[in-house]
Protein backbone atom coordinates (compact mmCIF):
# COMPACT_ATOMS: atom_id res chain seq x y z
CA UNK A 1 102.23 78.49 -20.95
CA UNK A 2 102.01 75.79 -23.50
CA UNK A 3 103.14 72.26 -23.30
CA UNK A 4 103.61 69.76 -25.97
CA UNK A 5 102.70 66.25 -25.32
CA UNK A 6 103.70 64.12 -28.29
CA UNK A 7 101.70 61.06 -28.88
CA UNK A 8 102.74 57.86 -30.53
CA UNK A 9 101.29 58.91 -33.83
CA UNK A 10 103.61 62.01 -34.13
CA UNK A 11 100.68 64.44 -34.54
CA UNK A 12 100.38 67.69 -32.74
CA UNK A 13 97.43 68.11 -30.47
CA UNK A 14 96.08 70.76 -27.96
CA UNK A 15 97.07 70.29 -24.28
CA UNK A 16 94.80 68.46 -22.03
CA UNK A 17 93.33 70.19 -19.02
CA UNK A 18 95.30 70.01 -15.82
CA UNK A 19 93.90 68.56 -12.59
CA UNK A 20 95.34 69.22 -9.12
CA UNK A 21 95.12 66.44 -6.48
CA UNK A 22 96.15 66.54 -2.83
CA UNK A 23 97.79 63.45 -1.51
CA UNK A 24 96.17 62.89 1.98
CA UNK A 25 98.93 60.61 3.25
CA UNK A 26 101.84 62.65 2.28
CA UNK A 27 100.24 66.16 2.28
CA UNK A 28 101.74 67.03 -1.12
CA UNK A 29 100.12 68.78 -4.08
CA UNK A 30 100.41 66.88 -7.33
CA UNK A 31 99.82 68.36 -10.73
CA UNK A 32 98.27 65.80 -13.07
CA UNK A 33 98.01 66.52 -16.86
CA UNK A 34 95.25 64.90 -18.77
CA UNK A 35 94.36 62.39 -16.15
CA UNK A 36 97.70 60.84 -16.02
CA UNK A 37 99.17 60.05 -12.73
CA UNK A 38 102.65 61.24 -13.56
CA UNK A 39 103.84 63.84 -11.03
CA UNK A 40 105.06 67.06 -12.62
CA UNK A 41 105.39 69.34 -9.54
CA UNK A 42 105.29 68.87 -5.92
CA UNK A 43 105.37 71.23 -2.99
CA UNK A 44 107.11 70.90 0.27
CA UNK A 45 105.45 68.90 3.04
CA UNK A 46 103.69 71.10 5.58
CA UNK A 47 104.52 70.69 9.29
CA UNK A 48 101.61 69.87 11.64
CA UNK A 49 103.17 71.55 14.84
CA UNK A 50 105.22 74.89 15.10
CA UNK A 51 108.56 74.69 16.90
CA UNK A 52 109.93 78.14 17.52
CA UNK A 53 113.66 78.84 17.44
CA UNK A 54 115.82 79.63 20.44
CA UNK A 55 115.94 83.26 19.48
CA UNK A 56 112.13 83.49 19.36
CA UNK A 57 111.86 81.95 22.79
CA UNK A 58 114.24 84.48 24.33
CA UNK A 59 112.47 87.36 22.75
CA UNK A 60 109.14 86.14 24.12
CA UNK A 61 110.55 85.71 27.63
CA UNK A 62 112.01 89.18 27.51
CA UNK A 63 108.59 90.68 26.36
CA UNK A 64 106.83 88.88 29.21
CA UNK A 65 109.45 90.08 31.78
CA UNK A 66 109.10 93.73 30.66
CA UNK A 67 105.32 93.40 31.01
CA UNK A 68 105.62 91.97 34.54
CA UNK A 69 108.15 94.62 35.50
CA UNK A 70 105.82 97.26 34.28
CA UNK A 71 102.86 95.98 36.25
CA UNK A 72 105.09 95.74 39.49
CA UNK A 73 106.32 99.37 38.97
CA UNK A 74 102.76 100.58 38.58
CA UNK A 75 101.54 98.75 41.66
CA UNK A 76 104.59 100.03 43.70
CA UNK A 77 103.91 103.58 42.58
CA UNK A 78 100.26 103.26 43.52
CA UNK A 79 100.99 102.00 47.07
CA UNK A 80 103.71 104.62 47.52
CA UNK A 81 101.33 107.36 46.52
CA UNK A 82 98.71 106.18 49.05
CA UNK A 83 101.52 105.92 51.87
CA UNK A 84 102.81 109.41 51.06
CA UNK A 85 99.16 110.70 51.24
CA UNK A 86 98.58 109.06 54.65
CA UNK A 87 101.97 110.34 55.91
CA UNK A 88 101.07 113.84 54.75
CA UNK A 89 97.70 113.72 56.50
CA UNK A 90 99.38 112.57 59.70
CA UNK A 91 102.27 115.03 59.55
CA UNK A 92 100.54 118.01 58.08
CA UNK A 93 96.99 117.58 59.32
CA UNK A 94 93.68 117.89 57.41
CA UNK A 95 92.79 121.17 55.72
CA UNK A 96 89.13 122.11 55.52
CA UNK A 97 88.01 124.76 53.08
CA UNK A 98 85.59 127.42 53.78
CA UNK A 99 82.82 125.77 51.91
CA UNK A 100 83.40 122.45 53.84
CA UNK A 101 83.38 124.35 57.12
CA UNK A 102 80.05 125.96 56.18
CA UNK A 103 78.59 122.54 55.28
CA UNK A 104 79.79 121.21 58.77
CA UNK A 105 78.23 124.14 60.40
CA UNK A 106 81.40 125.80 61.57
CA UNK A 107 81.48 129.57 61.74
CA UNK A 108 84.69 130.55 59.88
CA UNK A 109 84.71 133.78 61.97
CA UNK A 110 85.78 131.77 65.02
CA UNK A 111 89.16 130.89 63.40
CA UNK A 112 90.23 134.26 62.50
CA UNK A 113 90.72 135.74 59.10
CA UNK A 114 91.80 132.34 57.66
CA UNK A 115 89.55 130.76 55.03
CA UNK A 116 90.62 127.18 55.90
CA UNK A 117 90.92 125.22 59.13
CA UNK A 118 93.97 122.94 59.36
CA UNK A 119 94.02 120.32 62.12
CA UNK A 120 97.14 118.18 62.66
CA UNK A 121 99.20 116.62 65.43
CA UNK A 122 100.82 119.96 66.37
CA UNK A 123 97.78 122.19 65.80
CA UNK A 124 97.72 125.22 68.02
CA UNK A 125 94.64 127.45 68.51
CA UNK A 126 95.91 130.95 69.44
CA UNK A 127 92.47 132.17 70.39
CA UNK A 128 89.27 130.69 71.96
CA UNK A 129 87.70 127.61 70.43
CA UNK A 130 83.93 127.16 70.97
CA UNK A 131 82.55 123.66 70.45
CA UNK A 132 78.72 123.51 70.39
CA UNK A 133 78.22 119.77 70.98
CA UNK A 134 79.89 116.84 72.67
CA UNK A 135 83.58 115.99 72.25
CA UNK A 136 84.69 112.41 72.65
CA UNK A 137 88.37 111.81 73.18
CA UNK A 138 89.50 108.21 72.83
CA UNK A 139 93.05 108.73 74.01
CA UNK A 140 94.60 110.89 76.76
CA UNK A 141 93.92 114.63 77.12
CA UNK A 142 97.11 116.55 77.96
CA UNK A 143 96.80 120.24 79.05
CA UNK A 144 99.88 122.42 79.23
CA UNK A 145 98.01 125.22 80.95
CA UNK A 146 94.93 125.75 83.12
CA UNK A 147 91.70 123.66 82.73
CA UNK A 148 88.66 125.85 83.43
CA UNK A 149 85.18 124.48 83.31
CA UNK A 150 81.78 125.66 84.67
CA UNK A 151 80.59 122.06 85.30
CA UNK A 152 82.64 118.79 84.99
CA UNK A 153 81.53 115.28 85.61
CA UNK A 154 84.52 112.93 86.04
CA UNK A 155 84.09 109.25 86.89
CA UNK A 156 87.61 108.72 87.87
CA UNK A 157 90.20 111.53 88.64
CA UNK A 158 93.79 111.03 89.16
CA UNK A 159 95.70 114.17 89.77
CA UNK A 160 99.33 114.66 91.17
CA UNK A 161 98.76 118.31 92.23
CA UNK A 162 95.38 120.00 91.92
CA UNK A 163 94.20 123.32 92.96
CA UNK A 164 90.54 123.80 93.38
CA UNK A 165 88.89 127.11 94.25
CA UNK A 166 85.64 125.36 95.02
CA UNK A 167 84.93 121.59 95.18
CA UNK A 168 81.41 120.26 95.55
CA UNK A 169 81.13 116.54 96.00
CA UNK A 170 77.48 115.21 95.91
CA UNK A 171 78.34 111.62 96.15
CA UNK A 172 81.13 109.51 97.82
CA UNK A 173 84.70 110.61 97.63
CA UNK A 174 87.79 108.61 98.47
CA UNK A 175 90.95 110.61 98.98
CA UNK A 176 94.22 109.04 100.19
CA UNK A 177 95.88 112.26 101.32
CA UNK A 178 93.97 115.57 101.44
CA UNK A 179 96.04 118.71 102.13
CA UNK A 180 93.95 121.95 102.56
CA UNK A 181 95.74 125.31 102.83
CA UNK A 182 92.64 127.25 103.48
CA UNK A 183 89.17 126.84 105.01
CA UNK A 184 87.31 123.49 105.09
CA UNK A 185 83.55 124.08 105.36
CA UNK A 186 81.46 120.94 105.91
CA UNK A 187 77.61 121.51 105.86
CA UNK A 188 76.50 117.98 106.62
CA UNK A 189 77.84 115.29 108.90
CA UNK A 190 81.65 114.56 108.98
CA UNK A 191 82.61 111.12 109.94
CA UNK A 192 86.22 110.29 110.71
CA UNK A 193 86.64 106.51 110.87
CA UNK A 194 90.51 106.63 111.58
CA UNK A 195 92.71 108.82 113.59
CA UNK A 196 92.34 112.65 113.31
CA UNK A 197 95.54 114.64 113.95
CA UNK A 198 95.21 118.42 114.30
CA UNK A 199 98.64 120.22 114.38
CA UNK A 200 97.05 123.60 114.92
CA UNK A 201 94.17 125.14 116.77
CA UNK A 202 90.77 123.49 116.23
CA UNK A 203 87.80 125.77 116.75
CA UNK A 204 84.29 124.23 116.97
CA UNK A 205 81.51 126.83 117.09
CA UNK A 206 78.73 124.34 117.98
CA UNK A 207 78.47 121.15 119.92
CA UNK A 208 80.88 118.26 119.55
CA UNK A 209 79.73 114.71 120.28
CA UNK A 210 82.30 112.09 120.78
CA UNK A 211 80.96 108.67 121.06
CA UNK A 212 84.32 107.11 121.92
CA UNK A 213 87.35 108.02 124.07
CA UNK A 214 88.93 111.56 123.78
CA UNK A 215 92.64 111.49 124.38
CA UNK A 216 94.41 114.85 124.98
CA UNK A 217 98.27 114.60 125.00
CA UNK A 218 98.66 118.29 126.02
CA UNK A 219 96.53 120.88 127.82
CA UNK A 220 92.87 120.49 127.58
CA UNK A 221 91.36 124.01 127.95
CA UNK A 222 87.61 124.70 127.97
CA UNK A 223 85.65 127.78 128.86
CA UNK A 224 82.81 125.48 129.92
CA UNK A 225 83.10 121.83 130.29
CA UNK A 226 80.23 119.39 130.94
CA UNK A 227 80.56 115.69 131.20
CA UNK A 228 78.20 112.95 132.44
CA UNK A 229 81.32 111.01 133.71
CA UNK A 230 84.79 112.42 134.06
CA UNK A 231 87.69 110.11 134.72
CA UNK A 232 91.28 111.16 135.48
CA UNK A 233 93.80 108.32 135.26
CA UNK A 234 96.47 109.96 137.32
CA UNK A 235 95.71 113.59 138.36
CA UNK A 236 92.97 116.00 137.72
CA UNK A 237 93.95 119.65 138.22
CA UNK A 238 91.31 122.38 138.18
CA UNK A 239 92.71 125.78 138.15
CA UNK A 240 89.35 127.49 138.70
CA UNK A 241 86.22 126.75 140.68
CA UNK A 242 84.39 123.44 140.80
CA UNK A 243 80.85 124.06 140.29
CA UNK A 244 78.36 121.20 140.53
CA UNK A 245 74.98 121.06 138.74
CA UNK A 246 72.17 118.78 138.43
CA UNK A 247 68.83 118.02 140.03
CA UNK A 248 68.86 118.55 143.90
CA UNK A 249 68.40 115.77 146.38
CA UNK A 250 65.23 115.35 148.51
CA UNK A 251 65.28 116.00 152.27
CA UNK A 252 63.11 114.63 155.19
CA UNK A 253 63.38 116.39 158.56
CA UNK A 254 63.85 114.43 161.79
CA UNK A 255 62.38 114.34 165.32
CA UNK A 256 65.17 116.21 167.13
CA UNK A 257 64.08 119.63 165.90
CA UNK A 258 61.53 120.20 168.75
CA UNK A 259 58.14 121.83 168.62
CA UNK A 260 57.72 124.06 165.46
CA UNK A 261 61.12 123.13 164.24
CA UNK A 262 61.81 122.86 160.43
CA UNK A 263 64.68 121.70 158.19
CA UNK A 264 65.30 121.83 154.35
CA UNK A 265 68.17 121.20 152.01
CA UNK A 266 69.26 122.65 148.67
CA UNK A 267 72.18 121.95 146.30
CA UNK A 268 73.14 118.88 144.28
CA UNK A 269 74.14 115.36 145.03
CA UNK A 270 77.74 116.53 145.32
CA UNK A 271 77.33 119.57 147.54
CA UNK A 272 74.71 121.62 149.15
CA UNK A 273 73.40 123.27 152.46
CA UNK A 274 71.00 122.08 155.06
CA UNK A 275 69.00 124.84 156.76
CA UNK A 276 67.72 124.04 160.26
CA UNK A 277 65.26 125.91 162.53
CA UNK A 278 65.15 124.34 166.04
CA UNK A 279 61.92 124.81 168.07
CA UNK A 280 61.24 124.40 171.78
CA UNK A 281 61.71 121.12 173.37
CA UNK A 282 64.42 119.91 170.96
CA UNK A 283 66.25 116.71 171.90
CA UNK A 284 68.94 114.35 170.58
CA UNK A 285 68.62 112.12 167.53
CA UNK A 286 67.94 112.71 163.84
CA UNK A 287 67.91 116.13 162.40
CA UNK A 288 67.19 115.14 158.78
CA UNK A 289 67.73 112.69 155.91
CA UNK A 290 69.20 113.63 152.49
CA UNK A 291 68.27 111.30 149.57
CA UNK A 292 70.42 111.59 146.42
CA UNK A 293 68.75 112.30 143.14
CA UNK A 294 70.96 109.70 141.61
CA UNK A 295 72.55 106.93 143.73
CA UNK A 296 76.42 106.46 143.78
CA UNK A 297 77.97 103.38 142.37
CA UNK A 298 79.87 102.80 145.60
CA UNK A 299 79.88 104.18 149.05
CA UNK A 300 80.60 107.87 148.95
CA UNK A 301 82.50 110.03 151.39
CA UNK A 302 80.30 112.70 153.12
CA UNK A 303 81.70 115.73 154.92
CA UNK A 304 79.40 118.03 156.92
CA UNK A 305 80.29 121.27 158.58
CA UNK A 306 78.26 123.69 160.74
CA UNK A 307 78.23 127.30 159.44
CA UNK A 308 78.59 130.18 161.92
CA UNK A 309 77.27 128.46 165.09
CA UNK A 310 78.88 125.36 166.55
CA UNK A 311 76.70 122.30 166.76
CA UNK A 312 78.23 119.93 169.30
CA UNK A 313 77.54 116.25 168.88
CA UNK A 314 76.89 116.45 165.11
CA UNK A 315 77.49 113.09 163.21
CA UNK A 316 76.55 111.49 159.77
CA UNK A 317 75.46 108.05 158.66
CA UNK A 318 75.80 107.38 154.91
CA UNK A 319 74.71 104.95 152.21
CA UNK A 320 75.05 104.87 148.39
CA UNK A 321 71.52 106.50 148.15
CA UNK A 322 71.91 109.22 150.67
CA UNK A 323 73.05 110.22 154.21
CA UNK A 324 71.55 111.25 157.50
CA UNK A 325 72.58 114.09 159.95
CA UNK A 326 72.00 113.49 163.71
CA UNK A 327 73.17 115.05 166.97
CA UNK A 328 74.04 113.71 170.44
CA UNK A 329 73.23 116.97 172.09
CA UNK A 330 70.00 118.84 172.21
CA UNK A 331 70.16 122.07 170.19
CA UNK A 332 69.13 125.33 171.64
CA UNK A 333 66.29 127.14 169.94
CA UNK A 334 67.64 129.00 166.96
CA UNK A 335 68.64 128.87 163.19
CA UNK A 336 71.53 126.73 162.08
CA UNK A 337 73.25 125.93 158.62
CA UNK A 338 75.13 122.73 157.73
CA UNK A 339 77.16 122.45 154.61
CA UNK A 340 77.91 119.05 153.03
CA UNK A 341 80.23 117.71 150.43
CA UNK A 342 79.83 114.30 148.79
CA UNK A 343 82.53 112.50 146.78
CA UNK A 344 83.05 108.97 145.64
């Protein structure tokens, strides 16, 4: 590119070198030829800030929205996958491979021919299951069939209907209602603090000690009955014999027996016999005195009766500790017997 710059003299000369200057205030490029300040070419002013158009703005927002939707979709897919996995574990259970069972120490022969063990909510074991260690159950244990155990320790047992072939309770047991359809064998002491109602026959093969009262609404039948004190509120009926027992009373003979006469007594405080042997020279007065082994609480009734041979003039004096037998007529020499009955 050549340029002619005529001078005032009209002579042709070579072009001067060009210098490019930048106007700092206007931010334009100026081409200066030969040091002159005349502007030959300028460029457009550069903008200091970029202002996008409306179309570019909409495009950017669309790109950002697509990016956000992609992230949300990925997050939703990840959470859904985890939820499906958990639901599958809950519904279908957990499947353990043979290698895993071996590492856990489980014998795969115990689960049949299957190479895997699947445990889920509806898992059913068709055969026996052997557990070599403790089993801890956090929730309820529901059994649809029998529960068989060699030894069980239960802190609290609530059972609506329970059948026990053998029950051994070493500690305390509280039972609101106990129904036994078969035998009840109690080795130790049985204490009944409340009422005891027996609807059927009760058989006691050993002694029975009753500290309180015994009330019998029906017939009380006993092959042998022994009581320190027997009280009948209205009527006491004895179908058999009344046999008294206990230590016998003591006897002291009197002075009406004569020379060589003797007397003695045998029996109990309730009944007995006085044997009398009258010697020569017998007179009136005391034949003998009976002293009870145990004094009566009140004045008893004493009935005496001669046996075999009449004894005219026989009479009795009594106290709570004993009684005496006397006669108003001298007895002939001989042997006599006098029965006595004492009742309070």
